[in-house]
Amino acid sequence: MEKLIACCGLNCATCDARIATIADDDKLRAATAEKWKKMYNAPDIPAELINCTGCCEEGVKFLHCSTCEIRKCVNTKGYATCGDCSEMEACEIVVMVHKHVPEAITNLKNLN
């Protein structure tokens, strides 16, 4: 399976927003918006905002991804991902991602 590892370690290749964008699939955009409204308690996510090519890829970013503090930190430090940072495992910025999606930290460790 393809992997496109985001700054935080999430696999963008499995993200419904990226899949919908690449396939130009409006039904998947709508389903993703509905799922994320519930999952993230964010009732104002319209299907039209479900567009993203991936965190580290050229192109459009989902609203959260374009303002992500993790992504900003990685870019400011000149890293490719959090996996390049010696403070990753103690970092307070990325800790919630790694707490809820342990695969993300594994993905970062496997990059090196």
C-alpha atoms as a PDB file:
ATOM      1  CA  MET A   1       0.000   0.000   0.000  1.00  0.00           C
ATOM      2  CA  GLU A   2       1.184   3.493  -0.855  1.00  0.00           C
ATOM      3  CA  LYS A   3       2.333   5.689   1.995  1.00  0.00           C
ATOM      4  CA  LEU A   4       2.504   9.480   1.944  1.00  0.00           C
ATOM      5  CA  ILE A   5       3.659  10.373   5.418  1.00  0.00           C
ATOM      6  CA  ALA A   6       2.547  13.749   6.740  1.00  0.00           C
ATOM      7  CA  CYS A   7       4.685  15.948   8.971  1.00  0.00           C
ATOM      8  CA  CYS A   8       3.056  14.366  12.049  1.00  0.00           C
ATOM      9  CA  GLY A   9       3.324  10.798  10.765  1.00  0.00           C
ATOM     10  CA  LEU A  10      -0.241  10.257   9.558  1.00  0.00           C
ATOM     11  CA  ASN A  11      -0.498   8.456   6.232  1.00  0.00           C
ATOM     12  CA  CYS A  12      -2.098  10.909   3.784  1.00  0.00           C
ATOM     13  CA  ALA A  13      -2.524   8.102   1.223  1.00  0.00           C
ATOM     14  CA  THR A  14      -5.310   6.655   3.383  1.00  0.00           C
ATOM     15  CA  CYS A  15      -7.013   9.988   4.106  1.00  0.00           C
ATOM     16  CA  ASP A  16     -10.515  10.287   2.656  1.00  0.00           C
ATOM     17  CA  ALA A  17      -9.959  13.967   1.828  1.00  0.00           C
ATOM     18  CA  ARG A  18      -6.937  13.142  -0.322  1.00  0.00           C
ATOM     19  CA  ILE A  19      -8.652  10.157  -1.926  1.00  0.00           C
ATOM     20  CA  ALA A  20     -11.700  12.308  -2.767  1.00  0.00           C
ATOM     21  CA  THR A  21      -9.484  15.058  -4.175  1.00  0.00           C
ATOM     22  CA  ILE A  22      -7.387  12.774  -6.364  1.00  0.00           C
ATOM     23  CA  ALA A  23     -10.504  10.945  -7.643  1.00  0.00           C
ATOM     24  CA  ASP A  24     -12.589  14.152  -7.824  1.00  0.00           C
ATOM     25  CA  ASP A  25     -15.278  12.226  -5.930  1.00  0.00           C
ATOM     26  CA  ASP A  26     -18.030  14.507  -4.632  1.00  0.00           C
ATOM     27  CA  LYS A  27     -19.869  11.632  -2.931  1.00  0.00           C
ATOM     28  CA  LEU A  28     -16.767  10.795  -0.897  1.00  0.00           C
ATOM     29  CA  ARG A  29     -16.294  14.509  -0.103  1.00  0.00           C
ATOM     30  CA  ALA A  30     -19.856  14.635   1.271  1.00  0.00           C
ATOM     31  CA  ALA A  31     -19.451  11.419   3.256  1.00  0.00           C
ATOM     32  CA  THR A  32     -16.126  12.614   4.661  1.00  0.00           C
ATOM     33  CA  ALA A  33     -17.605  15.955   5.687  1.00  0.00           C
ATOM     34  CA  GLU A  34     -20.429  14.171   7.523  1.00  0.00           C
ATOM     35  CA  LYS A  35     -18.000  11.783   9.227  1.00  0.00           C
ATOM     36  CA  TRP A  36     -15.638  14.570  10.278  1.00  0.00           C
ATOM     37  CA  LYS A  37     -18.485  16.765  11.563  1.00  0.00           C
ATOM     38  CA  LYS A  38     -19.269  14.051  14.098  1.00  0.00           C
ATOM     39  CA  MET A  39     -15.728  12.854  14.731  1.00  0.00           C
ATOM     40  CA  TYR A  40     -14.290  16.317  15.373  1.00  0.00           C
ATOM     41  CA  ASN A  41     -17.450  17.990  16.713  1.00  0.00           C
ATOM     42  CA  ALA A  42     -17.207  20.478  13.862  1.00  0.00           C
ATOM     43  CA  PRO A  43     -20.704  20.989  12.430  1.00  0.00           C
ATOM     44  CA  ASP A  44     -19.558  23.637   9.947  1.00  0.00           C
ATOM     45  CA  ILE A  45     -17.464  21.445   7.627  1.00  0.00           C
ATOM     46  CA  PRO A  46     -19.031  21.624   4.161  1.00  0.00           C
ATOM     47  CA  ALA A  47     -18.237  18.997   1.537  1.00  0.00           C
ATOM     48  CA  GLU A  48     -16.732  21.738  -0.655  1.00  0.00           C
ATOM     49  CA  LEU A  49     -13.838  22.062   1.830  1.00  0.00           C
ATOM     50  CA  ILE A  50     -12.894  18.396   1.552  1.00  0.00           C
ATOM     51  CA  ASN A  51      -9.950  18.920  -0.772  1.00  0.00           C
ATOM     52  CA  CYS A  52      -6.341  18.023  -0.016  1.00  0.00           C
ATOM     53  CA  THR A  53      -3.445  16.565  -1.977  1.00  0.00           C
ATOM     54  CA  GLY A  54      -1.543  15.607   1.186  1.00  0.00           C
ATOM     55  CA  CYS A  55       0.462  17.403   3.844  1.00  0.00           C
ATOM     56  CA  CYS A  56       3.828  17.216   2.112  1.00  0.00           C
ATOM     57  CA  GLU A  57       2.577  17.175  -1.473  1.00  0.00           C
ATOM     58  CA  GLU A  58       2.154  20.137  -3.813  1.00  0.00           C
ATOM     59  CA  GLY A  59      -1.391  21.385  -4.218  1.00  0.00           C
ATOM     60  CA  VAL A  60      -4.466  22.220  -2.197  1.00  0.00           C
ATOM     61  CA  LYS A  61      -4.644  21.548   1.553  1.00  0.00           C
ATOM     62  CA  PHE A  62      -7.669  20.923   3.747  1.00  0.00           C
ATOM     63  CA  LEU A  63      -8.336  23.987   5.914  1.00  0.00           C
ATOM     64  CA  HIS A  64      -6.866  22.398   9.043  1.00  0.00           C
ATOM     65  CA  CYS A  65      -3.821  21.118   7.184  1.00  0.00           C
ATOM     66  CA  SER A  66      -3.017  24.555   5.783  1.00  0.00           C
ATOM     67  CA  THR A  67      -2.941  26.059   9.300  1.00  0.00           C
ATOM     68  CA  CYS A  68      -1.599  23.020  11.197  1.00  0.00           C
ATOM     69  CA  GLU A  69       0.812  23.937  14.004  1.00  0.00           C
ATOM     70  CA  ILE A  70       2.733  20.701  13.492  1.00  0.00           C
ATOM     71  CA  ARG A  71       3.243  21.456   9.811  1.00  0.00           C
ATOM     72  CA  LYS A  72       4.275  25.044  10.625  1.00  0.00           C
ATOM     73  CA  CYS A  73       6.828  23.817  13.160  1.00  0.00           C
ATOM     74  CA  VAL A  74       8.335  21.268  10.758  1.00  0.00           C
ATOM     75  CA  ASN A  75       8.561  23.844   7.970  1.00  0.00           C
ATOM     76  CA  THR A  76      10.035  26.512  10.272  1.00  0.00           C
ATOM     77  CA  LYS A  77      12.748  24.111  11.417  1.00  0.00           C
ATOM     78  CA  GLY A  78      13.467  23.050   7.829  1.00  0.00           C
ATOM     79  CA  TYR A  79      12.580  19.402   8.450  1.00  0.00           C
ATOM     80  CA  ALA A  80      10.708  17.024   6.174  1.00  0.00           C
ATOM     81  CA  THR A  81       8.688  15.569   9.086  1.00  0.00           C
ATOM     82  CA  CYS A  82       8.655  15.463  12.885  1.00  0.00           C
ATOM     83  CA  GLY A  83      10.781  12.343  12.524  1.00  0.00           C
ATOM     84  CA  ASP A  84      13.757  14.597  11.755  1.00  0.00           C
ATOM     85  CA  CYS A  85      13.428  16.339  15.138  1.00  0.00           C
ATOM     86  CA  SER A  86      15.311  15.051  18.180  1.00  0.00           C
ATOM     87  CA  GLU A  87      12.480  16.365  20.401  1.00  0.00           C
ATOM     88  CA  MET A  88       9.701  14.441  18.629  1.00  0.00           C
ATOM     89  CA  GLU A  89       8.842  11.973  21.396  1.00  0.00           C
ATOM     90  CA  ALA A  90       8.610  14.727  24.028  1.00  0.00           C
ATOM     91  CA  CYS A  91       6.941  17.309  21.772  1.00  0.00           C
ATOM     92  CA  GLU A  92       3.748  18.849  23.116  1.00  0.00           C
ATOM     93  CA  ILE A  93       2.631  19.928  19.632  1.00  0.00           C
ATOM     94  CA  VAL A  94       2.423  16.443  18.076  1.00  0.00           C
ATOM     95  CA  VAL A  95       1.675  14.383  21.209  1.00  0.00           C
ATOM     96  CA  MET A  96      -2.107  14.242  20.666  1.00  0.00           C
ATOM     97  CA  VAL A  97      -1.729  12.827  17.163  1.00  0.00           C
ATOM     98  CA  HIS A  98       0.625  10.142  18.419  1.00  0.00           C
ATOM     99  CA  LYS A  99      -1.617   9.413  21.418  1.00  0.00           C
ATOM    100  CA  HIS A 100      -4.703   8.849  19.256  1.00  0.00           C
ATOM    101  CA  VAL A 101      -2.960   7.315  16.226  1.00  0.00           C
ATOM    102  CA  PRO A 102       0.098   5.376  17.454  1.00  0.00           C
ATOM    103  CA  GLU A 103       0.784   4.268  13.877  1.00  0.00           C
ATOM    104  CA  ALA A 104       1.838   7.867  13.155  1.00  0.00           C
ATOM    105  CA  ILE A 105       4.925   7.732  15.376  1.00  0.00           C
ATOM    106  CA  THR A 106       5.780   4.303  13.935  1.00  0.00           C
ATOM    107  CA  ASN A 107       5.538   5.758  10.426  1.00  0.00           C
ATOM    108  CA  LEU A 108       7.971   8.531  11.384  1.00  0.00           C
ATOM    109  CA  LYS A 109      10.440   6.144  12.981  1.00  0.00           C
ATOM    110  CA  ASN A 110      10.330   3.929   9.882  1.00  0.00           C
ATOM    111  CA  LEU A 111      11.304   6.848   7.617  1.00  0.00           C
ATOM    112  CA  ASN A 112      14.825   6.923   8.985  1.00  0.00           C
END
